[in-house]
Amino acid sequence: MPIALLTGASRGLGRAFAADLAAAGWDLVVDARDGAALEAAVATWSTSGRVIALPGDVTDARHRSDLVSAAAGLGGLDLLVNNAGGLGPSPLPPLADLAPDDLRALFEVNTLAPLALIQRALPLLRERGGTIVSLTSDAGVEAYPGWGGYGLTKAALEQAARVLAVEEPSLRVHALDPGDVRTDMHQAAFPGEDISDRVTPEEVAPALLRLVERRLPSGRHRAADLLATQEVRG
């Protein structure tokens, strides 16, 4: 069975993505900072595959090494999903008020850690002509007040994906924009507001499998477009 490594799997989109991969029979290596929450998430997945859950922080080089080693122990790596990330201060500050330390921390988790994990995983991915999917946002391509810091990190991550796609033509390298999703992080961006009109992670999650199974060319993809295509073809 194919093997995936997915970060930030204890809640929200990461949990929903991992649940869909597990249900499709993928072997999984998953992580999250909260070990108890990760264990609880894994217990809800229905799978015929193997699941290795490793609590830890993707900004920790040793943890990244452990994740890739676990995938190697399962037999290799077909898919790397960089889902773990941070929002920054809440409420979202304008760029004029964004502390450099807060921006530095955002780049560490949203841009540098995913790239470092990709670098560590590349030998396994090259062996199997694998796929890299990094979660991005329309804030990386559009200008929204308050979203400057987060958007900067996602814009950099998307540029990294574009360059990697050129440098690693044997791989598929994607930036996946899930849209506005009803997650804890999205709620933190709108404190005190009702975000119940947003789609749920479970509604968006099938876009990942659609992207991977169709083996689309490297590039930027919107979950809404992938799901609309699925509905038309279905």
Foldseek 3Di string as FASTA:
>chain_A
DAEEEEEPCLDFLNLLLVLVCQCVAYEYEYEEQDPVSNVVSVVPHDHPYHYHYDYDALLDLVVLLVSLVVCVVVPFHAEYEADDAAQFDFQQAFPVPHDPVRLVVRLSRLPVSVVSSCVSRVVRNLVPLHEYEYEAACLLVDPDGSRVSVNVSRVNNQVVQVVVCVVRVSHAGEYEHAYQEPTPRSCRNVPPDDPVVHHYSNVQNVLVVLCRVVVDHHYYYYSVVSVVVVVVVD
